[in-house]
Amino acid sequence: MSADDSVAEDRRWPRSVYGHGDEPDPRFSLANERTFLAWIRTSLGLLAGSVAVHLIDFDVDDTIPKIAAALLALTGLACAAEAWRGWSKTERALREQRPLPSSRISIVVVGVVVVVAAGLAVLSVWG
């Protein structure tokens, strides 16, 4: 490793990830980055869905669409947080050659989307 490589390595952030272990195969780090971006896309999709639900007039009491919009927005926020948490935990595990962590929020995202979608289907048919 040259002096320039050492300086570049010292500047990588976050140190809680890059300050540990050895450099993994770049393909694994790039796959981890793609997963991070997938979580960010999911977050943006949930936020867009929240705005759409908030703006659509369902001819029912505003409470139900507001709750659905809030659930989608909060789930979008949680997905963004999970993107960072998952990326950093996975990257550090790769660097330390440990088993990869699991996602704690996947089932929550599925549950919220199923509940909101079922509620919107009911509102669109019987609302």
Protein backbone atom coordinates (compact mmCIF):
# COMPACT_ATOMS: atom_id res chain seq x y z
CA MET A 1 0.00 0.00 0.00
CA SER A 2 1.45 3.38 -0.99
CA ALA A 3 1.35 6.50 1.18
CA ASP A 4 -1.40 7.89 -1.08
CA ASP A 5 -3.51 4.75 -0.52
CA SER A 6 -3.06 5.07 3.24
CA VAL A 7 -4.18 8.72 3.22
CA ALA A 8 -7.22 7.86 1.04
CA GLU A 9 -8.11 5.01 3.41
CA ASP A 10 -7.92 7.34 6.42
CA ARG A 11 -10.43 9.73 4.82
CA ARG A 12 -13.15 7.16 4.17
CA TRP A 13 -16.27 7.70 6.18
CA PRO A 14 -17.81 6.35 8.33
CA ARG A 15 -14.86 5.18 10.38
CA SER A 16 -17.16 2.80 12.27
CA VAL A 17 -17.35 0.82 9.01
CA TYR A 18 -14.11 1.51 7.15
CA GLY A 19 -11.92 1.48 10.24
CA HIS A 20 -12.42 -2.27 10.70
CA GLY A 21 -11.33 -5.42 8.95
CA ASP A 22 -9.99 -5.85 5.44
CA GLU A 23 -11.18 -4.55 2.11
CA PRO A 24 -13.76 -7.03 0.72
CA ASP A 25 -14.15 -8.03 -2.90
CA PRO A 26 -15.49 -4.88 -4.63
CA ARG A 27 -18.38 -6.88 -6.11
CA PHE A 28 -19.76 -7.49 -2.61
CA SER A 29 -19.48 -3.83 -1.64
CA LEU A 30 -21.16 -2.79 -4.89
CA ALA A 31 -23.98 -5.30 -4.31
CA ASN A 32 -24.40 -3.87 -0.82
CA GLU A 33 -24.61 -0.39 -2.31
CA ARG A 34 -27.31 -1.55 -4.75
CA THR A 35 -29.29 -2.93 -1.82
CA PHE A 36 -28.93 0.43 -0.05
CA LEU A 37 -30.28 2.17 -3.15
CA ALA A 38 -33.19 -0.31 -3.38
CA TRP A 39 -34.18 0.61 0.20
CA ILE A 40 -33.96 4.31 -0.75
CA ARG A 41 -36.18 3.71 -3.82
CA THR A 42 -38.67 1.87 -1.62
CA SER A 43 -38.62 4.78 0.82
CA LEU A 44 -39.29 7.28 -1.97
CA GLY A 45 -42.09 5.11 -3.36
CA LEU A 46 -43.76 4.93 0.04
CA LEU A 47 -43.46 8.70 0.47
CA ALA A 48 -44.96 9.25 -3.00
CA GLY A 49 -47.78 6.85 -2.11
CA SER A 50 -48.35 8.80 1.09
CA VAL A 51 -48.76 12.03 -0.86
CA ALA A 52 -51.11 10.35 -3.35
CA VAL A 53 -53.31 8.88 -0.62
CA HIS A 54 -53.40 12.25 1.11
CA LEU A 55 -54.49 14.04 -2.09
CA ILE A 56 -57.11 11.56 -3.39
CA ASP A 57 -60.71 12.30 -2.42
CA PHE A 58 -62.28 9.04 -1.26
CA ASP A 59 -65.70 10.47 -0.31
CA VAL A 60 -65.28 9.15 3.23
CA ASP A 61 -64.27 10.62 6.54
CA ASP A 62 -60.76 12.13 6.16
CA THR A 63 -59.49 10.16 9.14
CA ILE A 64 -58.90 6.89 7.27
CA PRO A 65 -56.90 8.38 4.34
CA LYS A 66 -54.91 10.52 6.78
CA ILE A 67 -54.00 7.47 8.86
CA ALA A 68 -53.04 5.55 5.69
CA ALA A 69 -50.93 8.47 4.45
CA ALA A 70 -49.22 8.77 7.83
CA LEU A 71 -48.51 5.02 7.94
CA LEU A 72 -46.97 5.15 4.48
CA ALA A 73 -44.87 8.22 5.34
CA LEU A 74 -43.61 6.70 8.59
CA THR A 75 -42.79 3.45 6.82
CA GLY A 76 -40.91 5.45 4.16
CA LEU A 77 -38.93 7.12 6.93
CA ALA A 78 -38.18 3.73 8.48
CA CYS A 79 -37.02 2.40 5.10
CA ALA A 80 -34.58 5.28 4.70
CA ALA A 81 -33.20 4.60 8.18
CA GLU A 82 -32.98 0.87 7.39
CA ALA A 83 -31.07 1.68 4.19
CA TRP A 84 -28.28 3.27 6.20
CA ARG A 85 -28.36 0.76 9.04
CA GLY A 86 -28.37 -2.19 6.67
CA TRP A 87 -25.60 -0.81 4.48
CA SER A 88 -23.28 -0.05 7.39
CA LYS A 89 -23.91 -3.34 9.23
CA THR A 90 -23.48 -5.37 6.04
CA GLU A 91 -20.36 -3.52 4.91
CA ARG A 92 -18.74 -3.99 8.30
CA ALA A 93 -19.68 -7.69 8.33
CA LEU A 94 -18.12 -8.07 4.88
CA ARG A 95 -14.94 -6.37 6.06
CA GLU A 96 -14.74 -8.58 9.17
CA GLN A 97 -15.78 -11.77 7.32
CA ARG A 98 -18.77 -12.31 9.62
CA PRO A 99 -22.26 -13.56 8.70
CA LEU A 100 -24.42 -10.93 7.09
CA PRO A 101 -27.08 -9.28 9.27
CA SER A 102 -30.77 -9.70 8.58
CA SER A 103 -33.25 -6.92 8.02
CA ARG A 104 -35.48 -6.16 10.96
CA ILE A 105 -37.95 -3.99 9.13
CA SER A 106 -38.90 -6.04 6.06
CA ILE A 107 -41.93 -7.63 7.72
CA VAL A 108 -43.11 -4.21 8.95
CA VAL A 109 -42.94 -2.78 5.43
CA VAL A 110 -44.88 -5.74 4.04
CA GLY A 111 -47.50 -5.45 6.80
CA VAL A 112 -48.07 -1.72 6.31
CA VAL A 113 -48.31 -2.04 2.53
CA VAL A 114 -50.78 -4.95 2.81
CA VAL A 115 -52.97 -3.13 5.35
CA VAL A 116 -52.99 0.15 3.42
CA ALA A 117 -53.58 -1.58 0.07
CA ALA A 118 -56.46 -3.61 1.52
CA GLY A 119 -57.94 -0.48 3.07
CA LEU A 120 -57.67 1.45 -0.19
CA ALA A 121 -59.24 -1.45 -2.11
CA VAL A 122 -62.16 -1.48 0.31
CA LEU A 123 -62.55 2.29 0.07
CA SER A 124 -62.46 2.26 -3.72
CA VAL A 125 -65.10 -0.49 -3.98
CA TRP A 126 -67.43 0.39 -1.10
CA GLY A 127 -66.41 3.97 -0.25
